[in-house]
């Protein structure tokens, strides 16, 4: 079964190979897809940031500091710290995804 990536690569190859002129419908669809993905990432970022803000307020510690200490084993195994660390990792992934989406070649 062809994956989404396979389909996107096949379509990109087709466009490059046939040097098609700009197509308003295709441009609109692609713009909407990119915007939809960006909006989804922004929503996730806001939700995760709210969780991080709660942890930071509760423990009076920045998430980046907690993560470094947690990775070094200085925070113990408290479930809050495990959860906080996981939220921080996902938040960082979302930030990288947004950066990639915003900096992709046009």
Protein backbone atom coordinates (compact mmCIF):
# COMPACT_ATOMS: atom_id res chain seq x y z
CA UNK A 1 0.00 0.00 0.00
CA UNK A 2 1.33 3.40 -0.99
CA UNK A 3 2.02 5.72 1.95
CA UNK A 4 1.29 9.44 2.09
CA UNK A 5 5.01 10.14 1.66
CA UNK A 6 5.13 7.85 -1.38
CA UNK A 7 2.19 9.69 -2.93
CA UNK A 8 3.70 13.11 -2.23
CA UNK A 9 7.05 12.05 -3.68
CA UNK A 10 5.38 10.57 -6.75
CA UNK A 11 3.40 13.79 -7.28
CA UNK A 12 6.52 15.95 -6.79
CA UNK A 13 8.39 13.77 -9.27
CA UNK A 14 5.55 14.13 -11.77
CA UNK A 15 5.52 17.91 -11.42
CA UNK A 16 9.29 18.16 -11.78
CA UNK A 17 9.45 15.77 -14.70
CA UNK A 18 6.69 17.40 -16.70
CA UNK A 19 7.50 20.99 -15.73
CA UNK A 20 3.82 21.80 -15.52
CA UNK A 21 2.76 25.39 -15.37
CA UNK A 22 1.26 26.59 -12.14
CA UNK A 23 -2.15 25.11 -11.58
CA UNK A 24 -4.48 27.19 -9.39
CA UNK A 25 -6.34 24.18 -8.02
CA UNK A 26 -3.15 22.30 -7.14
CA UNK A 27 -1.64 25.42 -5.57
CA UNK A 28 -4.78 26.00 -3.50
CA UNK A 29 -4.91 22.39 -2.31
CA UNK A 30 -1.22 22.37 -1.38
CA UNK A 31 -1.51 25.72 0.42
CA UNK A 32 -4.48 24.39 2.38
CA UNK A 33 -2.65 21.18 3.29
CA UNK A 34 0.39 23.10 4.49
CA UNK A 35 -1.77 25.53 6.44
CA UNK A 36 -3.76 22.68 7.98
CA UNK A 37 -0.58 20.99 9.15
CA UNK A 38 0.80 24.26 10.51
CA UNK A 39 -2.42 25.01 12.41
CA UNK A 40 -2.41 21.52 13.89
CA UNK A 41 1.18 21.93 15.04
CA UNK A 42 0.43 25.38 16.51
CA UNK A 43 -2.51 23.94 18.45
CA UNK A 44 -0.38 21.11 19.79
CA UNK A 45 2.37 23.57 20.72
CA UNK A 46 -0.07 25.72 22.68
CA UNK A 47 -1.52 22.72 24.53
CA UNK A 48 1.91 21.40 25.43
CA UNK A 49 3.13 24.87 26.45
CA UNK A 50 0.19 25.13 28.85
CA UNK A 51 1.15 21.79 30.41
CA UNK A 52 4.77 22.90 30.70
CA UNK A 53 3.71 26.21 32.27
CA UNK A 54 1.77 24.27 34.92
CA UNK A 55 4.77 22.11 35.78
CA UNK A 56 7.10 25.12 35.83
CA UNK A 57 4.77 27.02 38.14
CA UNK A 58 4.24 24.05 40.43
CA UNK A 59 7.95 23.24 40.78
CA UNK A 60 9.45 26.71 40.21
CA UNK A 61 11.81 25.26 37.60
CA UNK A 62 12.15 25.79 33.87
CA UNK A 63 11.35 22.82 31.69
CA UNK A 64 14.77 22.88 30.03
CA UNK A 65 16.44 22.73 33.46
CA UNK A 66 14.15 19.91 34.62
CA UNK A 67 14.92 17.95 31.47
CA UNK A 68 18.68 18.27 31.86
CA UNK A 69 18.53 17.28 35.54
CA UNK A 70 16.12 14.44 34.81
CA UNK A 71 18.41 13.10 32.07
CA UNK A 72 21.33 13.13 34.53
CA UNK A 73 19.21 11.20 37.07
CA UNK A 74 19.07 14.09 39.54
CA UNK A 75 15.27 14.28 39.78
CA UNK A 76 14.35 10.76 40.79
CA UNK A 77 11.51 8.68 39.40
CA UNK A 78 8.53 10.79 40.49
CA UNK A 79 5.77 10.33 37.94
CA UNK A 80 5.37 14.11 37.54
CA UNK A 81 8.98 14.36 36.42
CA UNK A 82 8.59 11.44 34.02
CA UNK A 83 5.48 13.08 32.53
CA UNK A 84 7.08 16.53 32.46
CA UNK A 85 10.14 15.17 30.69
CA UNK A 86 7.96 13.42 28.10
CA UNK A 87 5.91 16.57 27.48
CA UNK A 88 9.13 18.55 27.05
CA UNK A 89 10.45 16.07 24.46
CA UNK A 90 7.20 16.17 22.48
CA UNK A 91 7.16 19.99 22.72
CA UNK A 92 10.69 20.13 21.30
CA UNK A 93 9.64 17.81 18.47
CA UNK A 94 6.70 20.09 17.65
CA UNK A 95 9.00 23.12 17.60
CA UNK A 96 11.35 21.35 15.19
CA UNK A 97 8.42 20.32 13.01
CA UNK A 98 7.21 23.91 12.81
CA UNK A 99 10.71 25.10 11.99
CA UNK A 100 10.99 22.52 9.24
CA UNK A 101 7.59 23.41 7.83
CA UNK A 102 8.40 27.12 7.85
CA UNK A 103 11.88 26.73 6.36
CA UNK A 104 11.19 24.12 3.70
CA UNK A 105 12.37 25.16 0.26
CA UNK A 106 9.69 26.62 -1.94
